[in-house]
């Protein structure tokens, strides 16, 4: 989190994504979501969103695996 603060000296401004840059669905989600992303934390939060999504996928897979094992044991 501190690294981002050093990288972006302009703090507290709203994020405006330039159109020529092709934005992935995750960044689009981050930009269009109701939360205001400041430029300082934009990349950090993006990384957080990606990590959370990955964790979520892993969790769902694990749950599926466990439920499958339970049904097999029965």
Protein backbone atom coordinates (compact mmCIF):
# COMPACT_ATOMS: atom_id res chain seq x y z
CA UNK A 1 0.00 0.00 0.00
CA UNK A 2 2.86 2.38 0.78
CA UNK A 3 4.60 1.71 -2.54
CA UNK A 4 1.58 2.98 -4.45
CA UNK A 5 1.54 6.20 -2.42
CA UNK A 6 5.12 6.90 -3.44
CA UNK A 7 4.41 6.14 -7.09
CA UNK A 8 1.38 8.43 -7.40
CA UNK A 9 2.05 11.97 -6.11
CA UNK A 10 -1.40 13.20 -7.26
CA UNK A 11 -3.69 12.04 -4.48
CA UNK A 12 -7.43 12.31 -4.00
CA UNK A 13 -8.29 12.84 -7.67
CA UNK A 14 -10.95 10.73 -9.36
CA UNK A 15 -9.79 8.01 -11.69
CA UNK A 16 -10.39 8.72 -15.35
CA UNK A 17 -9.34 5.84 -17.57
CA UNK A 18 -8.19 7.08 -20.99
CA UNK A 19 -10.19 5.42 -23.77
CA UNK A 20 -7.33 4.24 -26.02
CA UNK A 21 -6.16 1.92 -23.24
CA UNK A 22 -7.97 -1.42 -23.48
CA UNK A 23 -9.31 -2.12 -20.02
CA UNK A 24 -9.85 -5.63 -18.72
CA UNK A 25 -13.17 -6.58 -17.15
CA UNK A 26 -11.65 -6.34 -13.67
CA UNK A 27 -10.47 -2.77 -14.16
CA UNK A 28 -13.85 -1.90 -15.68
CA UNK A 29 -15.51 -3.34 -12.58
CA UNK A 30 -13.19 -1.32 -10.36
CA UNK A 31 -13.88 1.90 -12.26
CA UNK A 32 -17.64 1.49 -12.63
CA UNK A 33 -18.21 0.24 -9.09
CA UNK A 34 -19.86 2.76 -6.72
CA UNK A 35 -16.71 3.06 -4.63
CA UNK A 36 -14.52 6.05 -5.49
CA UNK A 37 -11.04 4.86 -6.30
CA UNK A 38 -8.36 7.44 -5.72
CA UNK A 39 -5.37 7.26 -8.03
CA UNK A 40 -3.11 6.45 -5.08
CA UNK A 41 -4.92 3.24 -4.26
CA UNK A 42 -6.21 2.41 -7.74
CA UNK A 43 -3.59 -0.19 -8.61
CA UNK A 44 -3.47 -1.54 -5.05
CA UNK A 45 -7.23 -1.99 -5.00
CA UNK A 46 -7.14 -3.57 -8.44
CA UNK A 47 -4.60 -6.07 -7.16
CA UNK A 48 -6.80 -6.65 -4.10
CA UNK A 49 -9.83 -7.26 -6.34
CA UNK A 50 -7.86 -9.74 -8.43
CA UNK A 51 -6.58 -11.53 -5.32
CA UNK A 52 -10.07 -11.66 -3.82
CA UNK A 53 -11.49 -13.05 -7.05
CA UNK A 54 -8.79 -15.73 -7.15
CA UNK A 55 -9.41 -16.61 -3.48
CA UNK A 56 -13.14 -16.78 -4.14
CA UNK A 57 -12.61 -19.21 -7.02
CA UNK A 58 -10.33 -21.37 -4.89
CA UNK A 59 -12.85 -21.37 -2.03
CA UNK A 60 -15.73 -22.41 -4.27
CA UNK A 61 -13.62 -25.18 -5.80
CA UNK A 62 -12.64 -26.44 -2.34
CA UNK A 63 -16.27 -26.38 -1.20
CA UNK A 64 -17.31 -28.34 -4.29
CA UNK A 65 -14.57 -30.86 -3.58
CA UNK A 66 -15.63 -31.26 0.07
CA UNK A 67 -19.31 -31.66 -0.78
CA UNK A 68 -18.41 -34.22 -3.44
CA UNK A 69 -16.33 -36.18 -0.91
CA UNK A 70 -19.20 -36.06 1.59
CA UNK A 71 -21.67 -37.39 -0.98
CA UNK A 72 -19.22 -40.14 -1.99
CA UNK A 73 -18.71 -41.22 1.64
CA UNK A 74 -22.46 -41.60 2.12
